[in-house]
Amino acid sequence: MPLLITSPTIATAIATALATAPAPETQWLLPANLFRLVVVGSVIGLTVATLVIVLIWLKEWRQGQVW
């Protein structure tokens, strides 16, 4: 159910506050290039770690040591 404001004073005050409120400025910690590098590096790191775990598991599976 939508909020119904019947008092013109409250409606005017809310409209004025919304119209005069400054928009918050977005501040990034990293530039876009560096952020992309961090993301790509993380994905590559996770992929390599997963492949290493799978290779270790395959090696142990061939030796019959998988539990």
C-alpha atoms as a PDB file:
ATOM      1  CA  MET A   1       0.000   0.000   0.000  1.00  0.00           C
ATOM      2  CA  PRO A   2       1.579   3.331  -0.999  1.00  0.00           C
ATOM      3  CA  LEU A   3       2.208   5.964   1.613  1.00  0.00           C
ATOM      4  CA  LEU A   4      -0.425   8.691   1.446  1.00  0.00           C
ATOM      5  CA  ILE A   5       0.653  12.096   2.724  1.00  0.00           C
ATOM      6  CA  THR A   6      -2.354  14.308   3.330  1.00  0.00           C
ATOM      7  CA  SER A   7      -0.724  17.267   5.003  1.00  0.00           C
ATOM      8  CA  PRO A   8       0.531  19.851   2.483  1.00  0.00           C
ATOM      9  CA  THR A   9       3.156  21.052   4.982  1.00  0.00           C
ATOM     10  CA  ILE A  10       4.747  17.606   5.307  1.00  0.00           C
ATOM     11  CA  ALA A  11       4.574  17.030   1.554  1.00  0.00           C
ATOM     12  CA  THR A  12       6.175  20.410   0.880  1.00  0.00           C
ATOM     13  CA  ALA A  13       8.909  19.790   3.448  1.00  0.00           C
ATOM     14  CA  ILE A  14       9.735  16.380   1.966  1.00  0.00           C
ATOM     15  CA  ALA A  15       9.748  17.726  -1.599  1.00  0.00           C
ATOM     16  CA  THR A  16      12.017  20.612  -0.580  1.00  0.00           C
ATOM     17  CA  ALA A  17      14.409  18.291   1.261  1.00  0.00           C
ATOM     18  CA  LEU A  18      14.618  15.937  -1.710  1.00  0.00           C
ATOM     19  CA  ALA A  19      15.125  18.758  -4.197  1.00  0.00           C
ATOM     20  CA  THR A  20      17.901  20.467  -2.209  1.00  0.00           C
ATOM     21  CA  ALA A  21      19.772  17.361  -1.026  1.00  0.00           C
ATOM     22  CA  PRO A  22      23.144  17.135  -2.763  1.00  0.00           C
ATOM     23  CA  ALA A  23      23.875  13.906  -4.586  1.00  0.00           C
ATOM     24  CA  PRO A  24      26.595  11.897  -2.865  1.00  0.00           C
ATOM     25  CA  GLU A  25      29.839  11.814  -4.810  1.00  0.00           C
ATOM     26  CA  THR A  26      31.193   8.365  -5.619  1.00  0.00           C
ATOM     27  CA  GLN A  27      34.852   7.857  -4.719  1.00  0.00           C
ATOM     28  CA  TRP A  28      36.638   4.789  -6.025  1.00  0.00           C
ATOM     29  CA  LEU A  29      39.574   3.267  -4.190  1.00  0.00           C
ATOM     30  CA  LEU A  30      41.241   2.103  -7.411  1.00  0.00           C
ATOM     31  CA  PRO A  31      41.252   3.372 -10.971  1.00  0.00           C
ATOM     32  CA  ALA A  32      39.363   1.215 -13.477  1.00  0.00           C
ATOM     33  CA  ASN A  33      42.561  -0.256 -14.994  1.00  0.00           C
ATOM     34  CA  LEU A  34      43.901  -1.377 -11.630  1.00  0.00           C
ATOM     35  CA  PHE A  35      40.530  -2.746 -10.531  1.00  0.00           C
ATOM     36  CA  ARG A  36      40.302  -4.787 -13.755  1.00  0.00           C
ATOM     37  CA  LEU A  37      43.830  -6.088 -13.119  1.00  0.00           C
ATOM     38  CA  VAL A  38      42.873  -7.151  -9.586  1.00  0.00           C
ATOM     39  CA  VAL A  39      39.742  -8.937 -10.825  1.00  0.00           C
ATOM     40  CA  VAL A  40      41.527 -10.715 -13.681  1.00  0.00           C
ATOM     41  CA  GLY A  41      44.413 -11.668 -11.392  1.00  0.00           C
ATOM     42  CA  SER A  42      42.004 -13.087  -8.848  1.00  0.00           C
ATOM     43  CA  VAL A  43      40.192 -15.156 -11.461  1.00  0.00           C
ATOM     44  CA  ILE A  44      43.484 -16.496 -12.817  1.00  0.00           C
ATOM     45  CA  GLY A  45      44.672 -17.315  -9.299  1.00  0.00           C
ATOM     46  CA  LEU A  46      41.486 -19.209  -8.473  1.00  0.00           C
ATOM     47  CA  THR A  47      41.665 -21.100 -11.763  1.00  0.00           C
ATOM     48  CA  VAL A  48      45.279 -22.136 -11.174  1.00  0.00           C
ATOM     49  CA  ALA A  49      44.517 -23.206  -7.591  1.00  0.00           C
ATOM     50  CA  THR A  50      41.573 -25.305  -8.780  1.00  0.00           C
ATOM     51  CA  LEU A  51      43.674 -26.974 -11.478  1.00  0.00           C
ATOM     52  CA  VAL A  52      46.406 -27.780  -8.949  1.00  0.00           C
ATOM     53  CA  ILE A  53      43.886 -29.390  -6.604  1.00  0.00           C
ATOM     54  CA  VAL A  54      42.399 -31.440  -9.460  1.00  0.00           C
ATOM     55  CA  LEU A  55      45.866 -32.557 -10.592  1.00  0.00           C
ATOM     56  CA  ILE A  56      46.767 -33.622  -7.038  1.00  0.00           C
ATOM     57  CA  TRP A  57      43.488 -35.517  -6.774  1.00  0.00           C
ATOM     58  CA  LEU A  58      44.101 -37.271 -10.128  1.00  0.00           C
ATOM     59  CA  LYS A  59      47.616 -38.257  -9.057  1.00  0.00           C
ATOM     60  CA  GLU A  60      46.321 -39.755  -5.810  1.00  0.00           C
ATOM     61  CA  TRP A  61      43.433 -41.436  -7.641  1.00  0.00           C
ATOM     62  CA  ARG A  62      45.851 -43.206  -9.974  1.00  0.00           C
ATOM     63  CA  GLN A  63      47.789 -44.465  -6.958  1.00  0.00           C
ATOM     64  CA  GLY A  64      44.576 -45.650  -5.280  1.00  0.00           C
ATOM     65  CA  GLN A  65      44.928 -43.277  -2.335  1.00  0.00           C
ATOM     66  CA  VAL A  66      41.687 -41.342  -2.773  1.00  0.00           C
ATOM     67  CA  TRP A  67      39.458 -41.592   0.274  1.00  0.00           C
END
